[in-house]
């Protein structure tokens, strides 16, 4: 309705509906705005772990930033904004993590279990002693043994406090 100059407000608990429908989002927790902005901003750069998990699956882990990069249990990744060196909470969205056959790289993931669910499979794996769960396309989901991890894009440092 922007062509008509009409503003509408939709109140919903359906995250996918809000992300796909809205030009701007405001997420409330206990009656207070946690973050407001574009759907893309809130999804890719949430200010809190609660918001990261509320808007979709998120892999959140401790990491140490050095010179704009960090080593995580999943591999080395650049951070999405300029932050100082030190310990941080880092978020990656599942679509940024690919599990590929061992032959395509260094075996860095041990598959713990895989559950076939039609077009997707839920894969539980261990990397450097930390366990993660990913929903992956069933066509190329590793179901047992070892796999390599490929990271796509930047990690997001969740602000402290």
N, C-alpha and C. Protein backbone atom coordinates (compact mmCIF):
# COMPACT_ATOMS: atom_id res chain seq x y z
N UNK A 1 0.80 -1.20 0.00
CA UNK A 1 0.00 0.00 0.00
C UNK A 1 0.84 1.27 0.00
N UNK A 2 2.13 1.13 -0.15
CA UNK A 2 2.99 2.32 -0.14
C UNK A 2 2.70 3.23 -1.32
N UNK A 3 2.26 2.67 -2.44
CA UNK A 3 1.94 3.52 -3.59
C UNK A 3 0.76 4.44 -3.30
N UNK A 4 -0.08 4.03 -2.36
CA UNK A 4 -1.24 4.84 -1.97
C UNK A 4 -0.93 5.74 -0.77
N UNK A 5 0.27 5.60 -0.21
CA UNK A 5 0.64 6.40 0.95
C UNK A 5 -0.06 5.96 2.22
N UNK A 6 -0.46 4.69 2.28
CA UNK A 6 -1.19 4.18 3.44
C UNK A 6 -0.23 3.35 4.30
N UNK A 7 -0.27 3.59 5.59
CA UNK A 7 0.52 2.81 6.53
C UNK A 7 -0.37 1.78 7.20
N UNK A 8 0.12 0.58 7.32
CA UNK A 8 -0.61 -0.47 8.01
C UNK A 8 0.25 -1.07 9.10
N UNK A 9 -0.39 -1.56 10.14
CA UNK A 9 0.31 -2.21 11.23
C UNK A 9 -0.25 -3.62 11.36
N UNK A 10 0.64 -4.60 11.35
CA UNK A 10 0.27 -6.00 11.50
C UNK A 10 0.91 -6.51 12.78
N UNK A 11 0.12 -7.05 13.67
CA UNK A 11 0.63 -7.66 14.88
C UNK A 11 0.55 -9.17 14.68
N UNK A 12 1.69 -9.85 14.79
CA UNK A 12 1.73 -11.29 14.53
C UNK A 12 2.77 -11.96 15.40
N UNK A 13 2.57 -13.25 15.64
CA UNK A 13 3.58 -14.07 16.30
C UNK A 13 4.24 -15.00 15.28
N UNK A 14 3.88 -14.86 14.02
CA UNK A 14 4.43 -15.67 12.94
C UNK A 14 5.66 -14.97 12.37
N UNK A 15 6.85 -15.46 12.72
CA UNK A 15 8.08 -14.81 12.32
C UNK A 15 8.24 -14.77 10.80
N UNK A 16 7.93 -15.86 10.12
CA UNK A 16 8.09 -15.89 8.67
C UNK A 16 7.17 -14.89 8.00
N UNK A 17 5.95 -14.77 8.50
CA UNK A 17 5.01 -13.79 7.95
C UNK A 17 5.56 -12.37 8.13
N UNK A 18 6.06 -12.08 9.31
CA UNK A 18 6.59 -10.74 9.58
C UNK A 18 7.80 -10.44 8.70
N UNK A 19 8.72 -11.40 8.57
CA UNK A 19 9.92 -11.18 7.78
C UNK A 19 9.60 -10.97 6.30
N UNK A 20 8.60 -11.66 5.78
CA UNK A 20 8.31 -11.57 4.35
C UNK A 20 7.34 -10.45 4.01
N UNK A 21 6.55 -9.99 4.96
CA UNK A 21 5.49 -9.02 4.69
C UNK A 21 5.89 -7.57 4.98
N UNK A 22 6.67 -7.39 6.03
CA UNK A 22 6.91 -6.05 6.56
C UNK A 22 8.05 -5.30 5.86
N UNK A 23 7.91 -3.97 5.80
CA UNK A 23 9.01 -3.09 5.41
C UNK A 23 9.88 -2.80 6.62
N UNK A 24 9.24 -2.68 7.78
CA UNK A 24 9.91 -2.41 9.05
C UNK A 24 9.31 -3.33 10.11
N UNK A 25 10.16 -3.79 11.04
CA UNK A 25 9.73 -4.64 12.14
C UNK A 25 10.11 -3.99 13.45
N UNK A 26 9.30 -4.24 14.45
CA UNK A 26 9.64 -3.91 15.83
C UNK A 26 9.32 -5.16 16.64
N UNK A 27 10.32 -5.71 17.32
CA UNK A 27 10.12 -6.91 18.12
C UNK A 27 10.08 -6.51 19.58
N UNK A 28 9.04 -6.96 20.25
CA UNK A 28 8.83 -6.64 21.66
C UNK A 28 9.14 -7.85 22.53
N UNK A 29 9.70 -7.59 23.70
CA UNK A 29 9.88 -8.60 24.73
C UNK A 29 9.49 -7.97 26.05
N UNK A 30 8.54 -8.55 26.74
CA UNK A 30 8.04 -8.02 28.01
C UNK A 30 7.60 -6.56 27.87
N UNK A 31 6.98 -6.23 26.74
CA UNK A 31 6.45 -4.89 26.53
C UNK A 31 7.46 -3.85 26.11
N UNK A 32 8.70 -4.23 25.88
CA UNK A 32 9.74 -3.29 25.47
C UNK A 32 10.29 -3.67 24.10
N UNK A 33 10.62 -2.67 23.31
CA UNK A 33 11.18 -2.91 21.98
C UNK A 33 12.61 -3.42 22.14
N UNK A 34 12.85 -4.62 21.61
CA UNK A 34 14.19 -5.20 21.63
C UNK A 34 15.01 -4.61 20.50
N UNK A 35 14.38 -4.53 19.31
CA UNK A 35 15.06 -3.96 18.14
C UNK A 35 14.00 -3.63 17.10
N UNK A 36 14.24 -2.55 16.38
CA UNK A 36 13.37 -2.14 15.28
C UNK A 36 14.24 -1.88 14.07
N UNK A 37 13.73 -2.19 12.89
CA UNK A 37 14.47 -1.96 11.66
C UNK A 37 13.90 -2.81 10.55
N UNK A 38 14.64 -2.94 9.47
CA UNK A 38 14.18 -3.74 8.34
C UNK A 38 14.22 -5.22 8.72
N UNK A 39 13.40 -6.04 8.07
CA UNK A 39 13.45 -7.48 8.35
C UNK A 39 14.84 -8.06 8.13
N UNK A 40 15.51 -7.63 7.07
CA UNK A 40 16.86 -8.12 6.77
C UNK A 40 17.83 -7.77 7.90
N UNK A 41 17.76 -6.54 8.39
CA UNK A 41 18.64 -6.11 9.48
C UNK A 41 18.40 -6.93 10.74
N UNK A 42 17.15 -7.12 11.12
CA UNK A 42 16.86 -7.86 12.34
C UNK A 42 17.27 -9.32 12.22
N UNK A 43 17.08 -9.92 11.05
CA UNK A 43 17.42 -11.32 10.86
C UNK A 43 18.93 -11.54 10.83
N UNK A 44 19.65 -10.68 10.11
CA UNK A 44 21.09 -10.87 9.94
C UNK A 44 21.94 -10.20 11.02
N UNK A 45 21.38 -9.19 11.70
CA UNK A 45 22.15 -8.45 12.70
C UNK A 45 21.34 -8.22 13.98
N UNK A 46 20.84 -9.29 14.60
CA UNK A 46 20.06 -9.12 15.82
C UNK A 46 20.91 -8.58 16.96
N UNK A 47 20.29 -7.78 17.81
CA UNK A 47 21.02 -7.20 18.95
C UNK A 47 21.11 -8.12 20.15
N UNK A 48 20.26 -9.17 20.18
CA UNK A 48 20.27 -10.08 21.32
C UNK A 48 20.19 -11.53 20.83
N UNK A 49 20.65 -12.44 21.67
CA UNK A 49 20.53 -13.87 21.35
C UNK A 49 19.07 -14.27 21.28
N UNK A 50 18.24 -13.71 22.16
CA UNK A 50 16.81 -14.02 22.13
C UNK A 50 16.23 -13.68 20.78
N UNK A 51 16.54 -12.51 20.25
CA UNK A 51 16.00 -12.09 18.96
C UNK A 51 16.55 -12.98 17.84
N UNK A 52 17.82 -13.32 17.91
CA UNK A 52 18.41 -14.20 16.89
C UNK A 52 17.66 -15.51 16.81
N UNK A 53 17.37 -16.12 17.95
CA UNK A 53 16.68 -17.40 17.99
C UNK A 53 15.19 -17.25 17.66
N UNK A 54 14.60 -16.14 18.05
CA UNK A 54 13.17 -15.89 17.80
C UNK A 54 12.88 -15.79 16.30
N UNK A 55 13.79 -15.19 15.55
CA UNK A 55 13.55 -14.97 14.12
C UNK A 55 13.97 -16.14 13.24
N UNK A 56 14.54 -17.18 13.81
CA UNK A 56 14.92 -18.35 13.01
C UNK A 56 16.00 -19.15 13.68
N UNK A 57 16.35 -20.25 13.06
CA UNK A 57 17.44 -21.07 13.58
C UNK A 57 18.73 -20.26 13.58
N UNK A 58 19.51 -20.42 14.63
CA UNK A 58 20.77 -19.69 14.74
C UNK A 58 21.81 -20.57 15.43
N UNK A 59 23.01 -20.54 14.92
CA UNK A 59 24.13 -21.21 15.57
C UNK A 59 24.91 -20.12 16.31
N UNK A 60 24.85 -20.16 17.61
CA UNK A 60 25.49 -19.13 18.43
C UNK A 60 26.58 -19.79 19.27
N UNK A 61 27.75 -19.17 19.24
CA UNK A 61 28.89 -19.78 19.91
C UNK A 61 29.84 -18.72 20.44
N UNK A 62 30.67 -19.13 21.39
CA UNK A 62 31.74 -18.26 21.87
C UNK A 62 32.84 -18.26 20.82
N UNK A 63 33.45 -17.10 20.65
CA UNK A 63 34.54 -16.97 19.68
C UNK A 63 35.47 -15.86 20.15
N UNK A 64 36.67 -15.85 19.60
CA UNK A 64 37.64 -14.81 19.92
C UNK A 64 38.03 -14.09 18.63
N UNK A 65 37.74 -12.79 18.59
CA UNK A 65 38.04 -11.98 17.41
C UNK A 65 39.48 -11.49 17.47
N UNK A 66 40.17 -11.61 16.34
CA UNK A 66 41.53 -11.10 16.17
C UNK A 66 41.60 -10.50 14.78
N UNK A 67 41.74 -9.19 14.69
CA UNK A 67 41.91 -8.53 13.40
C UNK A 67 40.74 -8.70 12.45
N UNK A 68 39.53 -8.68 12.96
CA UNK A 68 38.35 -8.78 12.11
C UNK A 68 37.97 -10.18 11.68
N UNK A 69 38.65 -11.18 12.24
CA UNK A 69 38.33 -12.58 11.95
C UNK A 69 38.29 -13.34 13.25
N UNK A 70 37.66 -14.50 13.19
CA UNK A 70 37.60 -15.33 14.38
C UNK A 70 37.64 -16.80 14.01
N UNK A 71 38.28 -17.57 14.87
CA UNK A 71 38.26 -19.02 14.72
C UNK A 71 37.11 -19.53 15.57
N UNK A 72 36.24 -20.32 14.94
CA UNK A 72 35.11 -20.92 15.64
C UNK A 72 35.25 -22.44 15.54
N UNK A 73 34.45 -23.17 16.28
CA UNK A 73 34.49 -24.63 16.12
C UNK A 73 34.15 -25.05 14.68
N UNK A 74 33.46 -24.18 13.94
CA UNK A 74 33.08 -24.49 12.56
C UNK A 74 34.12 -24.05 11.54
N UNK A 75 35.09 -23.26 11.96
CA UNK A 75 36.12 -22.76 11.06
C UNK A 75 36.31 -21.26 11.20
N UNK A 76 37.21 -20.73 10.38
CA UNK A 76 37.53 -19.30 10.42
C UNK A 76 36.47 -18.51 9.66
N UNK A 77 36.05 -17.38 10.26
CA UNK A 77 35.03 -16.53 9.63
C UNK A 77 35.33 -15.07 9.94
N UNK A 78 35.03 -14.21 8.98
CA UNK A 78 35.15 -12.76 9.20
C UNK A 78 33.91 -12.30 9.95
N UNK A 79 34.07 -11.25 10.74
CA UNK A 79 32.91 -10.71 11.45
C UNK A 79 32.24 -9.66 10.58
N UNK A 80 30.96 -9.46 10.82
CA UNK A 80 30.15 -8.62 9.94
C UNK A 80 30.26 -7.13 10.23
N UNK A 81 30.91 -6.75 11.31
CA UNK A 81 31.08 -5.33 11.58
C UNK A 81 32.39 -5.14 12.33
N UNK A 82 32.83 -3.91 12.36
CA UNK A 82 34.11 -3.62 12.99
C UNK A 82 33.98 -3.75 14.51
N UNK A 83 34.67 -4.71 15.06
CA UNK A 83 34.67 -4.91 16.51
C UNK A 83 36.11 -5.05 16.96
N UNK A 84 36.33 -4.70 18.20
CA UNK A 84 37.67 -4.84 18.75
C UNK A 84 38.01 -6.30 19.01
N UNK A 85 39.28 -6.56 19.18
CA UNK A 85 39.73 -7.91 19.48
C UNK A 85 39.20 -8.34 20.86
N UNK A 86 38.91 -9.63 21.00
CA UNK A 86 38.48 -10.16 22.28
C UNK A 86 37.40 -11.21 22.12
N UNK A 87 36.91 -11.68 23.27
CA UNK A 87 35.89 -12.73 23.29
C UNK A 87 34.52 -12.15 22.97
N UNK A 88 33.77 -12.87 22.13
CA UNK A 88 32.45 -12.41 21.70
C UNK A 88 31.50 -13.59 21.63
N UNK A 89 30.21 -13.28 21.45
CA UNK A 89 29.20 -14.27 21.09
C UNK A 89 28.95 -14.05 19.60
N UNK A 90 29.11 -15.10 18.83
CA UNK A 90 29.03 -15.01 17.39
C UNK A 90 27.83 -15.82 16.89
N UNK A 91 27.10 -15.25 15.92
CA UNK A 91 25.96 -15.94 15.34
C UNK A 91 26.20 -16.21 13.86
N UNK A 92 25.88 -17.42 13.46
CA UNK A 92 25.80 -17.78 12.05
C UNK A 92 24.40 -18.35 11.83
N UNK A 93 23.80 -18.02 10.70
CA UNK A 93 22.53 -18.62 10.33
C UNK A 93 22.82 -19.95 9.65
N UNK A 94 21.94 -20.93 9.79
CA UNK A 94 22.19 -22.26 9.20
C UNK A 94 22.48 -22.23 7.71
N UNK A 95 21.88 -21.29 6.98
CA UNK A 95 22.13 -21.23 5.54
C UNK A 95 23.56 -20.80 5.21
N UNK A 96 24.32 -20.39 6.22
CA UNK A 96 25.71 -20.01 6.02
C UNK A 96 26.67 -21.19 6.22
N UNK A 97 26.13 -22.33 6.63
CA UNK A 97 26.97 -23.48 6.95
C UNK A 97 26.61 -24.63 6.01
N UNK A 98 27.60 -25.14 5.31
CA UNK A 98 27.41 -26.27 4.42
C UNK A 98 28.24 -27.45 4.92
N UNK A 99 27.60 -28.60 4.97
CA UNK A 99 28.32 -29.84 5.26
C UNK A 99 28.53 -30.53 3.92
N UNK A 100 29.77 -30.79 3.59
CA UNK A 100 30.10 -31.40 2.29
C UNK A 100 30.85 -32.70 2.53
N UNK A 101 30.82 -33.61 1.53
CA UNK A 101 31.52 -34.89 1.70
C UNK A 101 32.98 -34.69 2.09
N UNK A 102 33.49 -35.61 2.86
CA UNK A 102 34.85 -35.56 3.36
C UNK A 102 35.85 -35.37 2.24
N UNK A 103 35.61 -35.95 1.09
CA UNK A 103 36.57 -35.89 -0.01
C UNK A 103 36.76 -34.48 -0.55
N UNK A 104 35.84 -33.56 -0.21
CA UNK A 104 35.93 -32.19 -0.74
C UNK A 104 36.71 -31.25 0.18
N UNK A 105 37.22 -31.74 1.26
CA UNK A 105 37.96 -30.86 2.16
C UNK A 105 38.44 -31.62 3.38
N UNK A 106 38.90 -30.90 4.35
CA UNK A 106 39.38 -31.50 5.58
C UNK A 106 38.21 -32.00 6.40
N UNK A 107 38.27 -33.22 6.93
CA UNK A 107 37.15 -33.71 7.74
C UNK A 107 37.10 -32.98 9.07
N UNK A 108 36.14 -32.10 9.22
CA UNK A 108 36.06 -31.27 10.42
C UNK A 108 34.79 -31.50 11.22
N UNK A 109 33.84 -32.28 10.70
CA UNK A 109 32.59 -32.55 11.40
C UNK A 109 32.39 -34.05 11.54
N UNK A 110 32.02 -34.48 12.73
CA UNK A 110 31.68 -35.88 12.97
C UNK A 110 30.15 -35.95 13.05
N UNK A 111 29.53 -36.71 12.16
CA UNK A 111 28.08 -36.82 12.14
C UNK A 111 27.65 -37.71 13.31
N UNK A 112 26.81 -37.17 14.17
CA UNK A 112 26.31 -37.92 15.33
C UNK A 112 25.05 -38.67 14.94
N UNK A 113 24.12 -37.97 14.27
CA UNK A 113 22.91 -38.62 13.77
C UNK A 113 22.30 -37.76 12.68
N UNK A 114 21.50 -38.40 11.87
CA UNK A 114 20.81 -37.71 10.79
C UNK A 114 19.38 -38.25 10.72
N UNK A 115 18.42 -37.35 10.63
CA UNK A 115 17.02 -37.73 10.58
C UNK A 115 16.43 -37.26 9.25
N UNK A 116 16.01 -38.20 8.42
CA UNK A 116 15.42 -37.89 7.12
C UNK A 116 13.99 -37.40 7.31
N UNK A 117 13.67 -36.22 6.74
CA UNK A 117 12.33 -35.65 6.86
C UNK A 117 11.82 -35.19 5.50
N UNK A 118 12.03 -36.01 4.49
CA UNK A 118 11.59 -35.65 3.14
C UNK A 118 12.60 -34.73 2.48
N UNK A 119 12.18 -33.51 2.10
CA UNK A 119 13.10 -32.62 1.39
C UNK A 119 14.28 -32.14 2.24
N UNK A 120 14.12 -32.20 3.56
CA UNK A 120 15.24 -31.82 4.43
C UNK A 120 15.60 -32.97 5.35
N UNK A 121 16.82 -32.93 5.83
CA UNK A 121 17.28 -33.85 6.87
C UNK A 121 17.82 -33.00 8.00
N UNK A 122 17.61 -33.45 9.22
CA UNK A 122 18.16 -32.77 10.39
C UNK A 122 19.41 -33.53 10.79
N UNK A 123 20.54 -32.84 10.72
CA UNK A 123 21.83 -33.47 10.99
C UNK A 123 22.42 -32.89 12.27
N UNK A 124 22.74 -33.77 13.19
CA UNK A 124 23.43 -33.39 14.43
C UNK A 124 24.88 -33.78 14.23
N UNK A 125 25.80 -32.82 14.47
CA UNK A 125 27.22 -33.11 14.27
C UNK A 125 28.06 -32.43 15.34
N UNK A 126 29.30 -32.91 15.46
CA UNK A 126 30.25 -32.37 16.44
C UNK A 126 31.43 -31.80 15.67
N UNK A 127 31.85 -30.59 16.06
CA UNK A 127 33.02 -29.95 15.47
C UNK A 127 33.85 -29.37 16.61
N UNK A 128 35.08 -29.82 16.72
CA UNK A 128 35.99 -29.37 17.79
C UNK A 128 35.33 -29.45 19.16
N UNK A 129 34.62 -30.54 19.41
CA UNK A 129 34.03 -30.79 20.72
C UNK A 129 32.70 -30.10 20.97
N UNK A 130 32.21 -29.31 20.03
CA UNK A 130 30.93 -28.60 20.20
C UNK A 130 29.90 -29.23 19.26
N UNK A 131 28.68 -29.47 19.79
CA UNK A 131 27.64 -30.08 18.96
C UNK A 131 26.71 -29.02 18.37
N UNK A 132 26.31 -29.26 17.12
CA UNK A 132 25.42 -28.36 16.39
C UNK A 132 24.36 -29.19 15.68
N UNK A 133 23.22 -28.57 15.39
CA UNK A 133 22.16 -29.19 14.62
C UNK A 133 21.85 -28.30 13.43
N UNK A 134 21.75 -28.90 12.24
CA UNK A 134 21.42 -28.17 11.02
C UNK A 134 20.33 -28.90 10.26
N UNK A 135 19.46 -28.11 9.62
CA UNK A 135 18.52 -28.65 8.65
C UNK A 135 19.17 -28.45 7.29
N UNK A 136 19.35 -29.55 6.55
CA UNK A 136 20.04 -29.49 5.26
C UNK A 136 19.21 -30.19 4.20
N UNK A 137 19.38 -29.83 2.93
CA UNK A 137 18.67 -30.54 1.86
C UNK A 137 19.01 -32.03 1.90
N UNK A 138 17.99 -32.87 1.85
CA UNK A 138 18.21 -34.32 1.94
C UNK A 138 19.06 -34.86 0.80
N UNK A 139 19.01 -34.22 -0.36
CA UNK A 139 19.75 -34.72 -1.53
C UNK A 139 21.24 -34.85 -1.27
N UNK A 140 21.81 -33.96 -0.45
CA UNK A 140 23.25 -34.04 -0.19
C UNK A 140 23.59 -34.06 1.30
N UNK A 141 22.64 -34.49 2.12
CA UNK A 141 22.88 -34.52 3.56
C UNK A 141 23.82 -35.65 3.94
N UNK A 142 24.88 -35.34 4.69
CA UNK A 142 25.72 -36.43 5.19
C UNK A 142 24.94 -37.18 6.27
N UNK A 143 24.93 -38.50 6.22
CA UNK A 143 24.12 -39.26 7.16
C UNK A 143 24.95 -40.00 8.22
N UNK A 144 26.24 -40.16 7.95
CA UNK A 144 27.11 -40.81 8.93
C UNK A 144 28.56 -40.48 8.61
N UNK A 145 29.45 -40.81 9.54
CA UNK A 145 30.88 -40.61 9.32
C UNK A 145 31.31 -39.18 9.54
N UNK A 146 32.15 -38.71 8.63
CA UNK A 146 32.73 -37.38 8.77
C UNK A 146 32.38 -36.54 7.55
N UNK A 147 32.39 -35.23 7.75
CA UNK A 147 32.12 -34.30 6.66
C UNK A 147 33.00 -33.06 6.86
N UNK A 148 33.11 -32.28 5.83
CA UNK A 148 33.83 -31.01 5.91
C UNK A 148 32.80 -29.89 6.06
N UNK A 149 33.24 -28.79 6.62
CA UNK A 149 32.37 -27.64 6.83
C UNK A 149 32.85 -26.50 5.96
N UNK A 150 31.93 -25.90 5.23
CA UNK A 150 32.21 -24.71 4.43
C UNK A 150 31.34 -23.59 4.98
N UNK A 151 31.95 -22.46 5.31
CA UNK A 151 31.21 -21.31 5.83
C UNK A 151 31.06 -20.26 4.74
N UNK A 152 29.87 -19.67 4.67
CA UNK A 152 29.55 -18.68 3.66
C UNK A 152 29.22 -17.35 4.34
N UNK A 153 29.82 -16.27 3.87
CA UNK A 153 29.50 -14.94 4.39
C UNK A 153 30.19 -14.64 5.70
N UNK A 154 29.75 -13.57 6.32
CA UNK A 154 30.32 -13.09 7.58
C UNK A 154 29.53 -13.58 8.77
N UNK A 155 30.23 -13.70 9.88
CA UNK A 155 29.55 -13.99 11.15
C UNK A 155 29.07 -12.67 11.74
N UNK A 156 28.07 -12.74 12.60
CA UNK A 156 27.54 -11.55 13.26
C UNK A 156 27.88 -11.59 14.74
N UNK A 157 28.53 -10.55 15.23
CA UNK A 157 28.83 -10.45 16.65
C UNK A 157 27.63 -9.84 17.34
N UNK A 158 27.09 -10.58 18.31
CA UNK A 158 25.95 -10.08 19.07
C UNK A 158 26.48 -9.12 20.13
N UNK A 159 25.97 -7.88 20.12
CA UNK A 159 26.47 -6.89 21.09
C UNK A 159 26.28 -7.34 22.52
N UNK A 160 27.21 -6.99 23.37
CA UNK A 160 27.12 -7.34 24.79
C UNK A 160 26.16 -6.38 25.49
N UNK A 161 25.48 -6.95 26.48
CA UNK A 161 24.65 -6.11 27.34
C UNK A 161 23.28 -6.01 26.87
